[in-house]
């Protein structure tokens, strides 16, 4: 889902964001993330965001036992998304979609009076995220496709290869990273890769490690 008026620089984004901690969930620039929201505090968060900038920060709780706490520590890097789809279900849930804008670094968590968490953030390390298609020419597309074929075969996955062939490198790499069935630490490594080329290389490396273990993944591409 595209944004009507794309953001051009960090100056166009707020330096305080409501954050939605989700383990194993990845959001990347210019890719859509569908969510079902049902907890009261996050319903409040989306209500408030819709009244203002329509922006939500997606971030993972740090992996391990910590992620099961009611107020887990957070990784230092997340990605802000704009609400580009919204619907009420009639039973107290929201069906929403966020479109990724840019990654951010958490500078500090605020002592907020809201029911949800808020952080002071900086986008300065991720200015490349504001440039569509940046680094596409540096991606080894053949490596990506070869690894995807091997992973799909090992896990008995059906792939729409015609769509894959038409997809440019940036959405191909970012969508595969978001859909990948890897754990939170691996997802965080994909998020924090400094550019598209390194994200593609990291994606290939993680997939090859999984394949080398010789066990089909218990999860599938979502």
Foldseek 3Di string as FASTA:
>chain_A
DDDPDADQFQVVDDQKAFEDADWLFAAAAQDKDKDKDADPLVVVRCVVLVVPVQKYWYWYFDDDPQRPDPDRHTDQKTWMWGWPDWDDDVPRMIITMTHTRAMWGFPAWDPDPGPTTMTRIDRVLTRVSSDPPPPLVVAPVVLLVVLVVLLCVLQVHDDPVVVVVVDGQPCNLRLCLRQPPDGRVLNVCLVPQSDSRSSNVSVSVVSVVVVVVVHRDPDDGD
